[in-house]
Amino acid sequence: MPKPDHVVTVDMSDRAEPADAALSRVVAGSGVARLWNAFSDPSGRYHAGHWQAEPGTLSVDYAESELCVLLEGRVRLTDATGTVEYGPGEAFVVAAGFRGTWESIGRVTKIYAILMPEGA
């Protein structure tokens, strides 16, 4: 039975694309990451898929808003106002305007849904 035209499976069956962080953003670790983008809308503003990163800390400045569902590893987000940590099975949103660090504790695999700002 064929699947519906407007339904996309979000999986890691396709070949991963490199998604390494720019060296200027790497605070600790290698910055090595991969992604399996399953969907991008016609406007290019909405994206969904899997992302995987090796342990390390990155400097981040979010222009986009991102829903994250952790499948593996732990994430620690820190900004000038505090720190929060998430683990496997937990979901969180990083809203546009977050500026701080993203620490991948162990290998991190997440499902993501990103909404880019208009005109990006």
C-alpha atoms as a PDB file:
ATOM      1  CA  MET A   1       0.000   0.000   0.000  1.00  0.00           C
ATOM      2  CA  PRO A   2       1.522   3.399  -0.939  1.00  0.00           C
ATOM      3  CA  LYS A   3       1.939   6.016   1.771  1.00  0.00           C
ATOM      4  CA  PRO A   4       0.132   9.359   1.568  1.00  0.00           C
ATOM      5  CA  ASP A   5       1.851  12.097  -0.486  1.00  0.00           C
ATOM      6  CA  HIS A   6       1.945  14.596   2.380  1.00  0.00           C
ATOM      7  CA  VAL A   7       3.370  12.300   5.064  1.00  0.00           C
ATOM      8  CA  VAL A   8       7.130  12.032   5.588  1.00  0.00           C
ATOM      9  CA  THR A   9       8.836   9.424   7.750  1.00  0.00           C
ATOM     10  CA  VAL A  10      11.490  10.960  10.004  1.00  0.00           C
ATOM     11  CA  ASP A  11      14.206   8.303  10.191  1.00  0.00           C
ATOM     12  CA  MET A  12      17.933   7.794   9.755  1.00  0.00           C
ATOM     13  CA  SER A  13      17.778   5.442   6.759  1.00  0.00           C
ATOM     14  CA  ASP A  14      19.287   7.926   4.304  1.00  0.00           C
ATOM     15  CA  ARG A  15      22.953   8.842   4.239  1.00  0.00           C
ATOM     16  CA  ALA A  16      23.987  11.376   6.889  1.00  0.00           C
ATOM     17  CA  GLU A  17      25.177  14.824   5.891  1.00  0.00           C
ATOM     18  CA  PRO A  18      28.120  16.407   7.745  1.00  0.00           C
ATOM     19  CA  ALA A  19      26.911  19.136  10.124  1.00  0.00           C
ATOM     20  CA  ASP A  20      30.153  19.994  11.911  1.00  0.00           C
ATOM     21  CA  ALA A  21      30.156  23.220  13.917  1.00  0.00           C
ATOM     22  CA  ALA A  22      32.332  26.090  12.758  1.00  0.00           C
ATOM     23  CA  LEU A  23      35.613  26.027  14.691  1.00  0.00           C
ATOM     24  CA  SER A  24      34.861  29.535  15.995  1.00  0.00           C
ATOM     25  CA  ARG A  25      31.832  28.081  17.863  1.00  0.00           C
ATOM     26  CA  VAL A  26      33.642  25.090  19.415  1.00  0.00           C
ATOM     27  CA  VAL A  27      34.334  25.739  23.115  1.00  0.00           C
ATOM     28  CA  ALA A  28      35.336  22.122  23.875  1.00  0.00           C
ATOM     29  CA  GLY A  29      35.362  18.821  21.977  1.00  0.00           C
ATOM     30  CA  SER A  30      35.554  18.291  18.230  1.00  0.00           C
ATOM     31  CA  GLY A  31      32.352  19.939  16.970  1.00  0.00           C
ATOM     32  CA  VAL A  32      31.729  16.831  14.824  1.00  0.00           C
ATOM     33  CA  ALA A  33      28.045  16.332  13.967  1.00  0.00           C
ATOM     34  CA  ARG A  34      25.815  14.699  11.355  1.00  0.00           C
ATOM     35  CA  LEU A  35      22.262  15.231  10.237  1.00  0.00           C
ATOM     36  CA  TRP A  36      19.559  13.365   8.420  1.00  0.00           C
ATOM     37  CA  ASN A  37      17.157  16.068   7.225  1.00  0.00           C
ATOM     38  CA  ALA A  38      13.879  14.309   6.421  1.00  0.00           C
ATOM     39  CA  PHE A  39      11.774  17.319   5.493  1.00  0.00           C
ATOM     40  CA  SER A  40      12.063  20.952   4.405  1.00  0.00           C
ATOM     41  CA  ASP A  41       8.952  22.910   3.475  1.00  0.00           C
ATOM     42  CA  PRO A  42       8.771  24.771   0.136  1.00  0.00           C
ATOM     43  CA  SER A  43       9.574  28.116   1.827  1.00  0.00           C
ATOM     44  CA  GLY A  44      12.803  26.693   3.285  1.00  0.00           C
ATOM     45  CA  ARG A  45      11.846  27.934   6.766  1.00  0.00           C
ATOM     46  CA  TYR A  46      10.732  24.660   8.383  1.00  0.00           C
ATOM     47  CA  HIS A  47      12.989  21.593   8.685  1.00  0.00           C
ATOM     48  CA  ALA A  48      12.708  18.269  10.527  1.00  0.00           C
ATOM     49  CA  GLY A  49      14.956  15.266  10.938  1.00  0.00           C
ATOM     50  CA  HIS A  50      17.653  13.718  13.117  1.00  0.00           C
ATOM     51  CA  TRP A  51      20.880  15.340  14.346  1.00  0.00           C
ATOM     52  CA  GLN A  52      23.764  13.583  16.058  1.00  0.00           C
ATOM     53  CA  ALA A  53      26.825  15.144  17.680  1.00  0.00           C
ATOM     54  CA  GLU A  54      29.905  13.911  19.458  1.00  0.00           C
ATOM     55  CA  PRO A  55      30.645  15.156  23.002  1.00  0.00           C
ATOM     56  CA  GLY A  56      31.559  18.820  23.318  1.00  0.00           C
ATOM     57  CA  THR A  57      30.408  22.352  23.991  1.00  0.00           C
ATOM     58  CA  LEU A  58      29.355  24.899  21.374  1.00  0.00           C
ATOM     59  CA  SER A  59      28.679  28.598  21.590  1.00  0.00           C
ATOM     60  CA  VAL A  60      25.157  29.152  20.197  1.00  0.00           C
ATOM     61  CA  ASP A  61      23.058  32.157  19.184  1.00  0.00           C
ATOM     62  CA  TYR A  62      19.596  31.019  18.038  1.00  0.00           C
ATOM     63  CA  ALA A  63      17.858  33.065  15.328  1.00  0.00           C
ATOM     64  CA  GLU A  64      15.542  30.079  14.765  1.00  0.00           C
ATOM     65  CA  SER A  65      13.200  28.257  17.156  1.00  0.00           C
ATOM     66  CA  GLU A  66      13.835  24.532  17.570  1.00  0.00           C
ATOM     67  CA  LEU A  67      11.907  21.632  19.085  1.00  0.00           C
ATOM     68  CA  CYS A  68      14.300  18.885  20.283  1.00  0.00           C
ATOM     69  CA  VAL A  69      13.414  15.335  21.356  1.00  0.00           C
ATOM     70  CA  LEU A  70      16.467  13.582  22.805  1.00  0.00           C
ATOM     71  CA  LEU A  71      16.970   9.957  21.886  1.00  0.00           C
ATOM     72  CA  GLU A  72      20.529   9.450  23.191  1.00  0.00           C
ATOM     73  CA  GLY A  73      22.966  11.342  25.411  1.00  0.00           C
ATOM     74  CA  ARG A  74      22.428  14.403  27.574  1.00  0.00           C
ATOM     75  CA  VAL A  75      22.337  18.113  26.735  1.00  0.00           C
ATOM     76  CA  ARG A  76      23.175  21.012  29.043  1.00  0.00           C
ATOM     77  CA  LEU A  77      22.044  24.492  27.927  1.00  0.00           C
ATOM     78  CA  THR A  78      23.507  27.499  29.721  1.00  0.00           C
ATOM     79  CA  ASP A  79      22.969  31.239  29.296  1.00  0.00           C
ATOM     80  CA  ALA A  80      23.454  34.311  31.466  1.00  0.00           C
ATOM     81  CA  THR A  81      20.282  33.453  33.440  1.00  0.00           C
ATOM     82  CA  GLY A  82      20.853  29.780  34.248  1.00  0.00           C
ATOM     83  CA  THR A  83      21.432  26.165  33.224  1.00  0.00           C
ATOM     84  CA  VAL A  84      19.091  23.301  32.331  1.00  0.00           C
ATOM     85  CA  GLU A  85      19.843  19.678  31.438  1.00  0.00           C
ATOM     86  CA  TYR A  86      17.853  17.112  29.411  1.00  0.00           C
ATOM     87  CA  GLY A  87      18.249  13.386  28.766  1.00  0.00           C
ATOM     88  CA  PRO A  88      16.808  10.622  26.604  1.00  0.00           C
ATOM     89  CA  GLY A  89      13.047  10.751  26.153  1.00  0.00           C
ATOM     90  CA  GLU A  90      12.798  14.417  27.122  1.00  0.00           C
ATOM     91  CA  ALA A  91      11.642  17.172  24.787  1.00  0.00           C
ATOM     92  CA  PHE A  92      12.321  20.904  24.887  1.00  0.00           C
ATOM     93  CA  VAL A  93      12.130  24.027  22.752  1.00  0.00           C
ATOM     94  CA  VAL A  94      15.011  26.439  22.274  1.00  0.00           C
ATOM     95  CA  ALA A  95      13.310  29.711  21.364  1.00  0.00           C
ATOM     96  CA  ALA A  96      14.798  32.268  19.011  1.00  0.00           C
ATOM     97  CA  GLY A  97      16.999  34.645  20.983  1.00  0.00           C
ATOM     98  CA  PHE A  98      18.726  32.005  23.146  1.00  0.00           C
ATOM     99  CA  ARG A  99      22.403  32.886  23.402  1.00  0.00           C
ATOM    100  CA  GLY A 100      24.771  30.723  25.426  1.00  0.00           C
ATOM    101  CA  THR A 101      26.268  27.248  25.208  1.00  0.00           C
ATOM    102  CA  TRP A 102      25.005  23.839  24.106  1.00  0.00           C
ATOM    103  CA  GLU A 103      26.914  21.023  25.768  1.00  0.00           C
ATOM    104  CA  SER A 104      26.560  17.498  24.363  1.00  0.00           C
ATOM    105  CA  ILE A 105      27.310  15.106  27.220  1.00  0.00           C
ATOM    106  CA  GLY A 106      28.205  11.875  25.453  1.00  0.00           C
ATOM    107  CA  ARG A 107      27.060  11.285  21.893  1.00  0.00           C
ATOM    108  CA  VAL A 108      23.748  13.115  21.456  1.00  0.00           C
ATOM    109  CA  THR A 109      21.057  12.059  19.001  1.00  0.00           C
ATOM    110  CA  LYS A 110      17.889  14.112  18.699  1.00  0.00           C
ATOM    111  CA  ILE A 111      14.864  14.556  16.500  1.00  0.00           C
ATOM    112  CA  TYR A 112      14.550  18.219  15.582  1.00  0.00           C
ATOM    113  CA  ALA A 113      11.949  20.539  14.097  1.00  0.00           C
ATOM    114  CA  ILE A 114      13.301  23.991  13.238  1.00  0.00           C
ATOM    115  CA  LEU A 115      11.419  27.119  12.224  1.00  0.00           C
ATOM    116  CA  MET A 116      13.721  29.714  10.671  1.00  0.00           C
ATOM    117  CA  PRO A 117      12.817  33.411  10.927  1.00  0.00           C
ATOM    118  CA  GLU A 118      11.239  35.093   7.901  1.00  0.00           C
ATOM    119  CA  GLY A 119      13.810  36.339   5.439  1.00  0.00           C
ATOM    120  CA  ALA A 120      16.543  33.978   6.694  1.00  0.00           C
END
